[in-house]
């Protein structure tokens, strides 16, 4: 096995505030992003997750959501889960239950989030 195969790819999370998204880079290459709206006082409405086609089915979205949630926790923020992928991720763990905004939690499950998204698209 080569050294490159043994070493995990470095992943950096960047908060691109001008584009309203967290971006995940692997070895300097943009591999995915999660759009958000930053609301007062310190709430993040997590809107939509995307992964570059060449990096799909490699765990990028899950790794990115994990990093974003950890970043928001470090900022002492809360979240409103709107993105179906984020809603699904949160439904499979209680590790981030403390981040969910009590007054504005978002959608309770992926089906509700997807239905709302489909309705919004018309």
C-alpha atoms as a PDB file:
ATOM      1  CA  UNK A   1       0.000   0.000   0.000  1.00  0.00           C
ATOM      2  CA  UNK A   2       1.351   3.427  -0.895  1.00  0.00           C
ATOM      3  CA  UNK A   3       1.690   6.228   1.613  1.00  0.00           C
ATOM      4  CA  UNK A   4      -1.156   8.091  -0.123  1.00  0.00           C
ATOM      5  CA  UNK A   5      -3.507   5.132   0.283  1.00  0.00           C
ATOM      6  CA  UNK A   6      -2.711   4.867   3.992  1.00  0.00           C
ATOM      7  CA  UNK A   7      -3.087   8.532   4.865  1.00  0.00           C
ATOM      8  CA  UNK A   8      -6.618   9.933   5.124  1.00  0.00           C
ATOM      9  CA  UNK A   9      -7.294  12.930   2.913  1.00  0.00           C
ATOM     10  CA  UNK A  10      -7.044  16.237   4.751  1.00  0.00           C
ATOM     11  CA  UNK A  11     -10.447  17.928   5.008  1.00  0.00           C
ATOM     12  CA  UNK A  12     -10.829  21.602   5.778  1.00  0.00           C
ATOM     13  CA  UNK A  13     -14.121  23.322   6.548  1.00  0.00           C
ATOM     14  CA  UNK A  14     -14.389  26.963   5.490  1.00  0.00           C
ATOM     15  CA  UNK A  15     -17.245  29.316   6.340  1.00  0.00           C
ATOM     16  CA  UNK A  16     -17.738  31.250   3.109  1.00  0.00           C
ATOM     17  CA  UNK A  17     -19.978  33.972   4.546  1.00  0.00           C
ATOM     18  CA  UNK A  18     -20.166  35.883   1.249  1.00  0.00           C
ATOM     19  CA  UNK A  19     -21.823  32.846  -0.391  1.00  0.00           C
ATOM     20  CA  UNK A  20     -23.759  31.795   2.738  1.00  0.00           C
ATOM     21  CA  UNK A  21     -22.298  28.328   2.879  1.00  0.00           C
ATOM     22  CA  UNK A  22     -19.859  26.087   4.660  1.00  0.00           C
ATOM     23  CA  UNK A  23     -17.435  24.532   2.194  1.00  0.00           C
ATOM     24  CA  UNK A  24     -15.547  21.285   2.643  1.00  0.00           C
ATOM     25  CA  UNK A  25     -12.175  20.949   0.949  1.00  0.00           C
ATOM     26  CA  UNK A  26     -10.214  17.744   0.557  1.00  0.00           C
ATOM     27  CA  UNK A  27      -6.527  18.324  -0.126  1.00  0.00           C
ATOM     28  CA  UNK A  28      -7.335  21.833  -1.329  1.00  0.00           C
ATOM     29  CA  UNK A  29     -10.174  20.781  -3.670  1.00  0.00           C
ATOM     30  CA  UNK A  30     -13.774  21.864  -3.024  1.00  0.00           C
ATOM     31  CA  UNK A  31     -15.773  18.643  -2.595  1.00  0.00           C
ATOM     32  CA  UNK A  32     -19.031  19.823  -1.009  1.00  0.00           C
ATOM     33  CA  UNK A  33     -20.934  22.669   0.574  1.00  0.00           C
ATOM     34  CA  UNK A  34     -23.879  23.303   2.868  1.00  0.00           C
ATOM     35  CA  UNK A  35     -25.928  26.468   2.339  1.00  0.00           C
ATOM     36  CA  UNK A  36     -27.190  28.227   5.453  1.00  0.00           C
ATOM     37  CA  UNK A  37     -28.883  31.388   6.605  1.00  0.00           C
ATOM     38  CA  UNK A  38     -27.382  32.962   9.731  1.00  0.00           C
ATOM     39  CA  UNK A  39     -30.216  34.314  11.856  1.00  0.00           C
ATOM     40  CA  UNK A  40     -30.259  36.278  15.099  1.00  0.00           C
ATOM     41  CA  UNK A  41     -29.120  35.810  17.759  1.00  0.00           C
ATOM     42  CA  UNK A  42     -26.915  32.889  16.679  1.00  0.00           C
ATOM     43  CA  UNK A  43     -29.115  30.446  14.783  1.00  0.00           C
ATOM     44  CA  UNK A  44     -28.181  28.718  11.556  1.00  0.00           C
ATOM     45  CA  UNK A  45     -30.953  27.553   9.228  1.00  0.00           C
ATOM     46  CA  UNK A  46     -29.251  24.688   7.383  1.00  0.00           C
ATOM     47  CA  UNK A  47     -30.795  24.884   3.924  1.00  0.00           C
ATOM     48  CA  UNK A  48     -29.189  22.584   1.368  1.00  0.00           C
ATOM     49  CA  UNK A  49     -26.272  20.167   1.071  1.00  0.00           C
ATOM     50  CA  UNK A  50     -24.428  19.542  -2.200  1.00  0.00           C
ATOM     51  CA  UNK A  51     -21.465  17.345  -3.131  1.00  0.00           C
ATOM     52  CA  UNK A  52     -19.378  17.607  -6.285  1.00  0.00           C
ATOM     53  CA  UNK A  53     -20.450  14.780  -8.633  1.00  0.00           C
ATOM     54  CA  UNK A  54     -16.931  13.335  -8.717  1.00  0.00           C
ATOM     55  CA  UNK A  55     -17.019  12.977  -4.895  1.00  0.00           C
ATOM     56  CA  UNK A  56     -20.510  11.563  -4.408  1.00  0.00           C
ATOM     57  CA  UNK A  57     -20.952   8.239  -2.583  1.00  0.00           C
ATOM     58  CA  UNK A  58     -17.692   8.762  -0.685  1.00  0.00           C
ATOM     59  CA  UNK A  59     -19.136   9.947   2.632  1.00  0.00           C
ATOM     60  CA  UNK A  60     -18.486  13.614   1.882  1.00  0.00           C
ATOM     61  CA  UNK A  61     -21.968  14.865   2.834  1.00  0.00           C
ATOM     62  CA  UNK A  62     -21.962  13.041   6.173  1.00  0.00           C
ATOM     63  CA  UNK A  63     -18.456  14.225   6.994  1.00  0.00           C
ATOM     64  CA  UNK A  64     -19.393  17.776   6.085  1.00  0.00           C
ATOM     65  CA  UNK A  65     -22.571  17.803   8.202  1.00  0.00           C
ATOM     66  CA  UNK A  66     -20.593  16.450  11.149  1.00  0.00           C
ATOM     67  CA  UNK A  67     -17.977  19.194  10.758  1.00  0.00           C
ATOM     68  CA  UNK A  68     -20.633  21.911  10.342  1.00  0.00           C
ATOM     69  CA  UNK A  69     -22.496  20.789  13.462  1.00  0.00           C
ATOM     70  CA  UNK A  70     -19.256  20.725  15.447  1.00  0.00           C
ATOM     71  CA  UNK A  71     -18.427  24.227  14.178  1.00  0.00           C
ATOM     72  CA  UNK A  72     -21.844  25.584  15.147  1.00  0.00           C
ATOM     73  CA  UNK A  73     -21.495  23.979  18.582  1.00  0.00           C
ATOM     74  CA  UNK A  74     -18.084  25.665  18.981  1.00  0.00           C
ATOM     75  CA  UNK A  75     -19.759  28.981  18.125  1.00  0.00           C
ATOM     76  CA  UNK A  76     -22.434  28.255  20.766  1.00  0.00           C
ATOM     77  CA  UNK A  77     -25.099  28.460  18.075  1.00  0.00           C
ATOM     78  CA  UNK A  78     -28.320  26.599  17.389  1.00  0.00           C
ATOM     79  CA  UNK A  79     -29.721  25.126  14.205  1.00  0.00           C
ATOM     80  CA  UNK A  80     -32.959  24.902  12.298  1.00  0.00           C
ATOM     81  CA  UNK A  81     -32.839  21.798  10.118  1.00  0.00           C
ATOM     82  CA  UNK A  82     -34.402  22.390   6.706  1.00  0.00           C
ATOM     83  CA  UNK A  83     -32.129  20.357   4.410  1.00  0.00           C
ATOM     84  CA  UNK A  84     -33.489  16.784   3.998  1.00  0.00           C
ATOM     85  CA  UNK A  85     -29.990  15.312   4.325  1.00  0.00           C
ATOM     86  CA  UNK A  86     -29.323  17.198   7.567  1.00  0.00           C
ATOM     87  CA  UNK A  87     -32.746  16.200   8.939  1.00  0.00           C
ATOM     88  CA  UNK A  88     -31.999  12.561   8.113  1.00  0.00           C
ATOM     89  CA  UNK A  89     -28.536  12.796   9.694  1.00  0.00           C
ATOM     90  CA  UNK A  90     -29.973  14.253  12.904  1.00  0.00           C
ATOM     91  CA  UNK A  91     -32.678  11.581  13.050  1.00  0.00           C
ATOM     92  CA  UNK A  92     -29.987   8.903  13.370  1.00  0.00           C
ATOM     93  CA  UNK A  93     -28.154  10.418  16.364  1.00  0.00           C
ATOM     94  CA  UNK A  94     -28.853  12.255  19.584  1.00  0.00           C
ATOM     95  CA  UNK A  95     -25.331  13.685  19.737  1.00  0.00           C
ATOM     96  CA  UNK A  96     -26.482  17.035  18.346  1.00  0.00           C
ATOM     97  CA  UNK A  97     -29.946  17.286  19.910  1.00  0.00           C
ATOM     98  CA  UNK A  98     -28.705  20.188  22.053  1.00  0.00           C
ATOM     99  CA  UNK A  99     -28.077  22.260  18.911  1.00  0.00           C
ATOM    100  CA  UNK A 100     -31.645  22.128  17.625  1.00  0.00           C
ATOM    101  CA  UNK A 101     -33.404  25.428  18.238  1.00  0.00           C
ATOM    102  CA  UNK A 102     -36.390  24.726  20.502  1.00  0.00           C
ATOM    103  CA  UNK A 103     -38.593  27.437  18.985  1.00  0.00           C
ATOM    104  CA  UNK A 104     -37.600  26.786  15.369  1.00  0.00           C
ATOM    105  CA  UNK A 105     -36.430  23.172  15.081  1.00  0.00           C
ATOM    106  CA  UNK A 106     -37.106  22.719  11.370  1.00  0.00           C
ATOM    107  CA  UNK A 107     -38.513  19.493   9.975  1.00  0.00           C
ATOM    108  CA  UNK A 108     -39.051  16.405  12.150  1.00  0.00           C
ATOM    109  CA  UNK A 109     -38.089  13.885   9.448  1.00  0.00           C
ATOM    110  CA  UNK A 110     -36.664  13.585   5.947  1.00  0.00           C
ATOM    111  CA  UNK A 111     -40.051  12.948   4.306  1.00  0.00           C
ATOM    112  CA  UNK A 112     -41.453  16.220   5.692  1.00  0.00           C
ATOM    113  CA  UNK A 113     -38.372  18.132   4.576  1.00  0.00           C
ATOM    114  CA  UNK A 114     -38.495  16.639   1.069  1.00  0.00           C
ATOM    115  CA  UNK A 115     -42.241  17.326   0.764  1.00  0.00           C
ATOM    116  CA  UNK A 116     -41.712  20.962   1.728  1.00  0.00           C
ATOM    117  CA  UNK A 117     -38.846  21.255  -0.748  1.00  0.00           C
ATOM    118  CA  UNK A 118     -40.948  19.757  -3.551  1.00  0.00           C
ATOM    119  CA  UNK A 119     -43.824  22.122  -2.733  1.00  0.00           C
ATOM    120  CA  UNK A 120     -41.489  25.139  -2.757  1.00  0.00           C
ATOM    121  CA  UNK A 121     -40.155  24.137  -6.182  1.00  0.00           C
ATOM    122  CA  UNK A 122     -43.736  24.016  -7.449  1.00  0.00           C
END
